[in-house]
Amino acid sequence: MHNFMSVVFLLVLAALSSQTCLGVKYEPNWSSIDSRPLPAWYDDVKIGMFINWGVYSVPSYHDEWFWYWWKGPKPIPSVVKLMEQFYPPTFTYADFAAEFKAEFYDPLKWVDIIKSSGAKPFKLHSDNFSGQAVTYKNSDQQW
């Protein structure tokens, strides 16, 4: 785990320092944003990987917008039915957090799989609109 986190830290540091070292400042408008050069590897990339992983993985039903499809303005009947069938009426979305164990989490294996797939870029998205981050820092926890 330590090696994986070290690699992630170095990649983030490299990305941030490349912008800082170049002294490039972009403005919040399309003209400025579109003027950014693409990375040299970009045209050779065939596939990228974006993994959403959070408490919505507990019911493992529909997608990462599970809460929205359950309690939002336009609920999806199959999502509502699942909740009615398998969870008590007082159950809330935040209650899924206690069931989010990640017992099969193996970041080094993930790195091997991602590398062998040839996917570039890769991003693990660990916080969605629900506000529950997949970290253990007290400042990130909202429930």
N, C-alpha and C. Protein backbone atom coordinates (compact mmCIF):
# COMPACT_ATOMS: atom_id res chain seq x y z
N MET A 1 0.83 -1.19 0.00
CA MET A 1 0.00 0.00 0.00
C MET A 1 0.87 1.25 0.00
N HIS A 2 1.95 1.21 0.76
CA HIS A 2 2.85 2.35 0.85
C HIS A 2 3.42 2.70 -0.52
N ASN A 3 3.85 1.68 -1.29
CA ASN A 3 4.42 1.91 -2.62
C ASN A 3 3.39 2.54 -3.55
N PHE A 4 2.16 2.04 -3.49
CA PHE A 4 1.08 2.57 -4.34
C PHE A 4 0.85 4.05 -4.02
N MET A 5 0.75 4.37 -2.73
CA MET A 5 0.51 5.76 -2.34
C MET A 5 1.69 6.65 -2.74
N SER A 6 2.89 6.13 -2.67
CA SER A 6 4.07 6.89 -3.08
C SER A 6 4.01 7.21 -4.57
N VAL A 7 3.60 6.24 -5.37
CA VAL A 7 3.48 6.46 -6.82
C VAL A 7 2.42 7.52 -7.10
N VAL A 8 1.26 7.41 -6.43
CA VAL A 8 0.19 8.39 -6.63
C VAL A 8 0.68 9.78 -6.24
N PHE A 9 1.37 9.89 -5.10
CA PHE A 9 1.88 11.19 -4.64
C PHE A 9 2.85 11.78 -5.66
N LEU A 10 3.76 10.96 -6.17
CA LEU A 10 4.74 11.46 -7.15
C LEU A 10 4.08 11.91 -8.45
N LEU A 11 3.05 11.18 -8.89
CA LEU A 11 2.33 11.57 -10.11
C LEU A 11 1.62 12.90 -9.93
N VAL A 12 0.97 13.06 -8.78
CA VAL A 12 0.27 14.33 -8.51
C VAL A 12 1.29 15.46 -8.40
N LEU A 13 2.36 15.23 -7.71
CA LEU A 13 3.41 16.24 -7.57
C LEU A 13 3.98 16.64 -8.92
N ALA A 14 4.23 15.66 -9.79
CA ALA A 14 4.76 15.96 -11.12
C ALA A 14 3.77 16.77 -11.94
N ALA A 15 2.50 16.42 -11.85
CA ALA A 15 1.48 17.16 -12.60
C ALA A 15 1.38 18.60 -12.12
N LEU A 16 1.40 18.79 -10.81
CA LEU A 16 1.30 20.15 -10.26
C LEU A 16 2.55 20.96 -10.55
N SER A 17 3.71 20.35 -10.42
CA SER A 17 4.94 21.10 -10.62
C SER A 17 5.15 21.47 -12.09
N SER A 18 4.65 20.68 -13.01
CA SER A 18 4.82 21.02 -14.42
C SER A 18 4.06 22.30 -14.76
N GLN A 19 2.90 22.48 -14.17
CA GLN A 19 2.15 23.72 -14.40
C GLN A 19 2.85 24.89 -13.72
N THR A 20 3.33 24.68 -12.50
CA THR A 20 3.96 25.74 -11.73
C THR A 20 5.29 26.16 -12.36
N CYS A 21 6.10 25.18 -12.77
CA CYS A 21 7.41 25.48 -13.33
C CYS A 21 7.30 26.25 -14.64
N LEU A 22 6.28 25.96 -15.41
CA LEU A 22 6.12 26.65 -16.68
C LEU A 22 5.59 28.06 -16.49
N GLY A 23 5.06 28.34 -15.32
CA GLY A 23 4.53 29.66 -15.04
C GLY A 23 3.29 29.99 -15.86
N VAL A 24 2.61 28.98 -16.34
CA VAL A 24 1.43 29.18 -17.16
C VAL A 24 0.22 29.41 -16.26
N LYS A 25 -0.54 30.44 -16.59
CA LYS A 25 -1.75 30.71 -15.85
C LYS A 25 -2.90 30.76 -16.84
N TYR A 26 -3.92 29.95 -16.59
CA TYR A 26 -5.07 29.92 -17.47
C TYR A 26 -6.22 30.69 -16.83
N GLU A 27 -7.01 31.30 -17.68
CA GLU A 27 -8.16 32.07 -17.24
C GLU A 27 -9.40 31.18 -17.29
N PRO A 28 -10.43 31.53 -16.51
CA PRO A 28 -11.66 30.72 -16.52
C PRO A 28 -12.57 31.02 -17.71
N ASN A 29 -12.05 30.80 -18.91
CA ASN A 29 -12.86 30.97 -20.11
C ASN A 29 -12.41 29.94 -21.14
N TRP A 30 -13.29 29.64 -22.13
CA TRP A 30 -13.00 28.56 -23.08
C TRP A 30 -11.78 28.85 -23.93
N SER A 31 -11.56 30.07 -24.31
CA SER A 31 -10.42 30.41 -25.15
C SER A 31 -9.10 30.06 -24.44
N SER A 32 -9.01 30.44 -23.19
CA SER A 32 -7.81 30.15 -22.41
C SER A 32 -7.66 28.65 -22.17
N ILE A 33 -8.74 28.00 -21.80
CA ILE A 33 -8.69 26.56 -21.53
C ILE A 33 -8.30 25.79 -22.80
N ASP A 34 -8.87 26.17 -23.93
CA ASP A 34 -8.55 25.49 -25.19
C ASP A 34 -7.12 25.73 -25.66
N SER A 35 -6.45 26.72 -25.09
CA SER A 35 -5.07 26.99 -25.50
C SER A 35 -4.06 26.07 -24.80
N ARG A 36 -4.51 25.29 -23.84
CA ARG A 36 -3.61 24.38 -23.13
C ARG A 36 -3.09 23.32 -24.10
N PRO A 37 -1.81 23.06 -24.09
CA PRO A 37 -1.28 22.00 -24.95
C PRO A 37 -1.64 20.62 -24.40
N LEU A 38 -1.86 19.67 -25.31
CA LEU A 38 -2.13 18.30 -24.89
C LEU A 38 -0.82 17.63 -24.51
N PRO A 39 -0.85 16.71 -23.55
CA PRO A 39 0.37 15.97 -23.22
C PRO A 39 0.84 15.17 -24.45
N ALA A 40 2.13 14.94 -24.57
CA ALA A 40 2.70 14.25 -25.73
C ALA A 40 2.10 12.86 -25.93
N TRP A 41 1.76 12.17 -24.85
CA TRP A 41 1.24 10.80 -24.94
C TRP A 41 -0.23 10.75 -25.36
N TYR A 42 -0.93 11.88 -25.32
CA TYR A 42 -2.38 11.89 -25.48
C TYR A 42 -2.87 11.27 -26.79
N ASP A 43 -2.24 11.58 -27.89
CA ASP A 43 -2.69 11.06 -29.18
C ASP A 43 -2.48 9.56 -29.33
N ASP A 44 -1.59 8.98 -28.52
CA ASP A 44 -1.33 7.54 -28.60
C ASP A 44 -2.20 6.71 -27.67
N VAL A 45 -2.94 7.37 -26.79
CA VAL A 45 -3.78 6.66 -25.83
C VAL A 45 -4.97 6.04 -26.53
N LYS A 46 -5.21 4.78 -26.23
CA LYS A 46 -6.35 4.08 -26.82
C LYS A 46 -7.51 3.99 -25.84
N ILE A 47 -7.20 3.86 -24.53
CA ILE A 47 -8.25 3.71 -23.53
C ILE A 47 -7.76 4.26 -22.19
N GLY A 48 -8.69 4.80 -21.43
CA GLY A 48 -8.40 5.26 -20.09
C GLY A 48 -9.32 4.54 -19.11
N MET A 49 -9.04 4.67 -17.83
CA MET A 49 -9.84 3.99 -16.84
C MET A 49 -10.21 4.98 -15.73
N PHE A 50 -11.48 5.02 -15.41
CA PHE A 50 -12.00 5.89 -14.37
C PHE A 50 -12.85 5.01 -13.46
N ILE A 51 -12.43 4.83 -12.23
CA ILE A 51 -13.15 3.95 -11.32
C ILE A 51 -13.86 4.79 -10.27
N ASN A 52 -15.18 4.64 -10.21
CA ASN A 52 -15.98 5.24 -9.14
C ASN A 52 -16.14 4.18 -8.07
N TRP A 53 -15.79 4.53 -6.85
CA TRP A 53 -15.86 3.55 -5.76
C TRP A 53 -16.22 4.26 -4.48
N GLY A 54 -17.37 3.97 -3.96
CA GLY A 54 -17.83 4.60 -2.73
C GLY A 54 -18.94 3.81 -2.11
N VAL A 55 -19.69 4.43 -1.20
CA VAL A 55 -20.75 3.71 -0.50
C VAL A 55 -21.83 3.20 -1.43
N TYR A 56 -21.97 3.79 -2.60
CA TYR A 56 -22.94 3.30 -3.59
C TYR A 56 -22.56 1.91 -4.08
N SER A 57 -21.34 1.46 -3.76
CA SER A 57 -20.92 0.09 -4.11
C SER A 57 -21.56 -0.94 -3.20
N VAL A 58 -22.06 -0.53 -2.04
CA VAL A 58 -22.67 -1.48 -1.11
C VAL A 58 -23.92 -2.12 -1.72
N PRO A 59 -24.89 -1.34 -2.19
CA PRO A 59 -26.02 -2.01 -2.83
C PRO A 59 -25.64 -2.59 -4.20
N SER A 60 -24.58 -2.05 -4.79
CA SER A 60 -24.09 -2.52 -6.09
C SER A 60 -25.22 -2.65 -7.10
N TYR A 61 -26.00 -1.61 -7.17
CA TYR A 61 -27.14 -1.64 -8.07
C TYR A 61 -27.23 -0.32 -8.82
N HIS A 62 -27.44 -0.35 -10.06
CA HIS A 62 -27.60 0.76 -10.99
C HIS A 62 -26.27 1.44 -11.26
N ASP A 63 -25.92 2.49 -10.52
CA ASP A 63 -24.66 3.19 -10.76
C ASP A 63 -24.31 4.06 -9.55
N GLU A 64 -23.27 4.89 -9.71
CA GLU A 64 -22.82 5.72 -8.60
C GLU A 64 -23.81 6.81 -8.21
N TRP A 65 -24.86 6.99 -9.00
CA TRP A 65 -25.92 7.96 -8.69
C TRP A 65 -27.06 7.29 -7.94
N PHE A 66 -26.76 6.19 -7.27
CA PHE A 66 -27.78 5.40 -6.59
C PHE A 66 -28.69 6.26 -5.72
N TRP A 67 -28.10 7.12 -4.90
CA TRP A 67 -28.92 7.95 -4.00
C TRP A 67 -29.90 8.80 -4.81
N TYR A 68 -29.45 9.41 -5.86
CA TYR A 68 -30.31 10.27 -6.68
C TYR A 68 -31.47 9.47 -7.27
N TRP A 69 -31.16 8.25 -7.75
CA TRP A 69 -32.22 7.43 -8.35
C TRP A 69 -33.17 6.87 -7.29
N TRP A 70 -32.75 6.87 -6.04
CA TRP A 70 -33.59 6.38 -4.95
C TRP A 70 -34.42 7.51 -4.34
N LYS A 71 -33.76 8.65 -4.03
CA LYS A 71 -34.42 9.73 -3.29
C LYS A 71 -34.53 11.05 -4.06
N GLY A 72 -34.02 11.10 -5.27
CA GLY A 72 -34.03 12.33 -6.05
C GLY A 72 -35.41 12.68 -6.58
N PRO A 73 -35.51 13.74 -7.38
CA PRO A 73 -36.81 14.20 -7.88
C PRO A 73 -37.48 13.24 -8.86
N LYS A 74 -36.71 12.36 -9.50
CA LYS A 74 -37.28 11.40 -10.46
C LYS A 74 -36.77 10.00 -10.14
N PRO A 75 -37.25 9.40 -9.04
CA PRO A 75 -36.75 8.07 -8.65
C PRO A 75 -37.02 7.01 -9.72
N ILE A 76 -36.12 6.06 -9.81
CA ILE A 76 -36.29 4.94 -10.73
C ILE A 76 -36.99 3.82 -9.95
N PRO A 77 -38.11 3.35 -10.44
CA PRO A 77 -38.90 2.35 -9.71
C PRO A 77 -38.11 1.12 -9.27
N SER A 78 -37.20 0.61 -10.09
CA SER A 78 -36.45 -0.59 -9.70
C SER A 78 -35.52 -0.31 -8.53
N VAL A 79 -34.98 0.90 -8.43
CA VAL A 79 -34.10 1.26 -7.31
C VAL A 79 -34.93 1.37 -6.03
N VAL A 80 -36.06 2.03 -6.13
CA VAL A 80 -36.96 2.17 -4.97
C VAL A 80 -37.42 0.79 -4.50
N LYS A 81 -37.77 -0.08 -5.45
CA LYS A 81 -38.23 -1.43 -5.11
C LYS A 81 -37.13 -2.22 -4.39
N LEU A 82 -35.90 -2.11 -4.85
CA LEU A 82 -34.78 -2.80 -4.20
C LEU A 82 -34.67 -2.37 -2.74
N MET A 83 -34.75 -1.07 -2.51
CA MET A 83 -34.64 -0.56 -1.14
C MET A 83 -35.81 -1.03 -0.27
N GLU A 84 -37.00 -1.03 -0.83
CA GLU A 84 -38.17 -1.48 -0.07
C GLU A 84 -38.09 -2.97 0.24
N GLN A 85 -37.53 -3.73 -0.69
CA GLN A 85 -37.47 -5.18 -0.55
C GLN A 85 -36.39 -5.65 0.44
N PHE A 86 -35.22 -4.96 0.46
CA PHE A 86 -34.09 -5.45 1.24
C PHE A 86 -33.66 -4.60 2.42
N TYR A 87 -34.23 -3.42 2.59
CA TYR A 87 -33.81 -2.54 3.68
C TYR A 87 -35.03 -2.01 4.44
N PRO A 88 -34.87 -1.75 5.74
CA PRO A 88 -36.00 -1.24 6.52
C PRO A 88 -36.38 0.18 6.08
N PRO A 89 -37.62 0.59 6.34
CA PRO A 89 -38.08 1.92 5.90
C PRO A 89 -37.27 3.08 6.47
N THR A 90 -36.64 2.88 7.62
CA THR A 90 -35.86 3.96 8.25
C THR A 90 -34.42 4.04 7.73
N PHE A 91 -34.04 3.12 6.85
CA PHE A 91 -32.67 3.07 6.32
C PHE A 91 -32.39 4.31 5.49
N THR A 92 -31.21 4.92 5.70
CA THR A 92 -30.82 6.10 4.93
C THR A 92 -29.59 5.77 4.09
N TYR A 93 -29.29 6.63 3.16
CA TYR A 93 -28.11 6.43 2.31
C TYR A 93 -26.84 6.39 3.16
N ALA A 94 -26.78 7.23 4.18
CA ALA A 94 -25.61 7.27 5.06
C ALA A 94 -25.41 5.94 5.79
N ASP A 95 -26.47 5.17 5.96
CA ASP A 95 -26.35 3.87 6.63
C ASP A 95 -25.49 2.89 5.82
N PHE A 96 -25.37 3.10 4.54
CA PHE A 96 -24.51 2.23 3.73
C PHE A 96 -23.04 2.33 4.15
N ALA A 97 -22.65 3.47 4.71
CA ALA A 97 -21.24 3.68 5.06
C ALA A 97 -20.74 2.63 6.04
N ALA A 98 -21.58 2.22 6.98
CA ALA A 98 -21.15 1.20 7.95
C ALA A 98 -20.92 -0.16 7.29
N GLU A 99 -21.53 -0.38 6.14
CA GLU A 99 -21.39 -1.65 5.43
C GLU A 99 -20.28 -1.61 4.37
N PHE A 100 -19.68 -0.46 4.17
CA PHE A 100 -18.62 -0.32 3.16
C PHE A 100 -17.30 -0.76 3.79
N LYS A 101 -16.93 -2.01 3.57
CA LYS A 101 -15.76 -2.61 4.24
C LYS A 101 -14.50 -2.64 3.38
N ALA A 102 -14.65 -2.73 2.10
CA ALA A 102 -13.50 -2.79 1.18
C ALA A 102 -12.55 -3.93 1.52
N GLU A 103 -13.12 -5.07 1.93
CA GLU A 103 -12.28 -6.19 2.36
C GLU A 103 -11.46 -6.82 1.24
N PHE A 104 -11.83 -6.58 0.00
CA PHE A 104 -11.06 -7.14 -1.12
C PHE A 104 -10.18 -6.08 -1.80
N TYR A 105 -10.01 -4.94 -1.15
CA TYR A 105 -9.20 -3.86 -1.72
C TYR A 105 -7.73 -4.28 -1.75
N ASP A 106 -7.15 -4.26 -2.92
CA ASP A 106 -5.74 -4.64 -3.09
C ASP A 106 -5.13 -3.70 -4.13
N PRO A 107 -4.65 -2.53 -3.71
CA PRO A 107 -4.18 -1.53 -4.67
C PRO A 107 -3.03 -2.01 -5.55
N LEU A 108 -2.16 -2.85 -5.04
CA LEU A 108 -1.04 -3.33 -5.87
C LEU A 108 -1.55 -4.23 -6.98
N LYS A 109 -2.55 -5.04 -6.69
CA LYS A 109 -3.14 -5.87 -7.72
C LYS A 109 -3.84 -4.99 -8.76
N TRP A 110 -4.52 -3.94 -8.29
CA TRP A 110 -5.18 -3.01 -9.22
C TRP A 110 -4.15 -2.40 -10.16
N VAL A 111 -3.02 -1.99 -9.61
CA VAL A 111 -1.96 -1.38 -10.44
C VAL A 111 -1.50 -2.37 -11.51
N ASP A 112 -1.29 -3.63 -11.12
CA ASP A 112 -0.87 -4.65 -12.09
C ASP A 112 -1.90 -4.82 -13.20
N ILE A 113 -3.17 -4.89 -12.82
CA ILE A 113 -4.24 -5.07 -13.81
C ILE A 113 -4.31 -3.87 -14.74
N ILE A 114 -4.25 -2.67 -14.16
CA ILE A 114 -4.35 -1.45 -14.97
C ILE A 114 -3.16 -1.32 -15.91
N LYS A 115 -1.96 -1.59 -15.39
CA LYS A 115 -0.76 -1.53 -16.24
C LYS A 115 -0.86 -2.52 -17.39
N SER A 116 -1.25 -3.76 -17.09
CA SER A 116 -1.31 -4.78 -18.14
C SER A 116 -2.42 -4.51 -19.15
N SER A 117 -3.42 -3.74 -18.77
CA SER A 117 -4.50 -3.41 -19.71
C SER A 117 -4.06 -2.36 -20.73
N GLY A 118 -3.01 -1.61 -20.37
CA GLY A 118 -2.56 -0.54 -21.26
C GLY A 118 -3.34 0.74 -21.08
N ALA A 119 -4.22 0.79 -20.09
CA ALA A 119 -5.04 1.99 -19.87
C ALA A 119 -4.19 3.16 -19.41
N LYS A 120 -4.38 4.28 -20.07
CA LYS A 120 -3.76 5.56 -19.70
C LYS A 120 -4.74 6.63 -20.12
N PRO A 121 -5.12 7.50 -19.34
CA PRO A 121 -4.80 7.67 -17.92
C PRO A 121 -5.70 6.81 -17.04
N PHE A 122 -5.43 6.87 -15.73
CA PHE A 122 -6.24 6.16 -14.75
C PHE A 122 -6.58 7.11 -13.63
N LYS A 123 -7.83 7.03 -13.14
CA LYS A 123 -8.23 7.85 -12.00
C LYS A 123 -9.17 7.05 -11.12
N LEU A 124 -8.86 7.01 -9.84
CA LEU A 124 -9.76 6.44 -8.85
C LEU A 124 -10.54 7.59 -8.25
N HIS A 125 -11.81 7.61 -8.51
CA HIS A 125 -12.68 8.67 -8.01
C HIS A 125 -13.32 8.15 -6.73
N SER A 126 -12.95 8.72 -5.60
CA SER A 126 -13.38 8.16 -4.33
C SER A 126 -14.37 9.03 -3.58
N ASP A 127 -14.86 10.06 -4.21
CA ASP A 127 -15.84 10.92 -3.55
C ASP A 127 -16.80 11.37 -4.62
N ASN A 128 -18.06 11.09 -4.42
CA ASN A 128 -19.04 11.49 -5.41
C ASN A 128 -19.95 12.54 -4.81
N PHE A 129 -21.02 12.85 -5.49
CA PHE A 129 -21.92 13.91 -5.05
C PHE A 129 -22.47 13.65 -3.65
N SER A 130 -22.41 12.42 -3.18
CA SER A 130 -22.96 12.09 -1.86
C SER A 130 -22.15 12.72 -0.73
N GLY A 131 -20.91 13.08 -1.00
CA GLY A 131 -20.08 13.73 0.01
C GLY A 131 -19.31 12.77 0.89
N GLN A 132 -19.42 11.47 0.66
CA GLN A 132 -18.71 10.49 1.48
C GLN A 132 -17.43 10.10 0.74
N ALA A 133 -16.30 10.55 1.24
CA ALA A 133 -15.01 10.23 0.62
C ALA A 133 -14.52 8.88 1.11
N VAL A 134 -13.76 8.20 0.26
CA VAL A 134 -13.17 6.92 0.63
C VAL A 134 -11.78 7.19 1.21
N THR A 135 -11.76 7.94 2.28
CA THR A 135 -10.53 8.21 3.02
C THR A 135 -10.88 8.12 4.50
N TYR A 136 -9.87 8.22 5.31
CA TYR A 136 -10.11 8.06 6.73
C TYR A 136 -9.68 9.29 7.52
N LYS A 137 -9.53 10.39 6.85
CA LYS A 137 -9.19 11.63 7.55
C LYS A 137 -10.50 12.20 8.11
N ASN A 138 -10.49 12.60 9.36
CA ASN A 138 -11.70 13.11 9.97
C ASN A 138 -12.27 14.31 9.24
N SER A 139 -11.42 15.13 8.63
CA SER A 139 -11.89 16.33 7.95
C SER A 139 -12.71 15.99 6.71
N ASP A 140 -12.53 14.80 6.15
CA ASP A 140 -13.26 14.42 4.93
C ASP A 140 -14.61 13.78 5.25
N GLN A 141 -14.77 13.26 6.42
CA GLN A 141 -15.98 12.52 6.75
C GLN A 141 -17.12 13.49 7.07
N GLN A 142 -18.21 13.32 6.37
CA GLN A 142 -19.35 14.19 6.61
C GLN A 142 -20.48 13.47 7.32
N TRP A 143 -20.36 12.16 7.54
CA TRP A 143 -21.43 11.41 8.22
C TRP A 143 -20.93 10.90 9.53
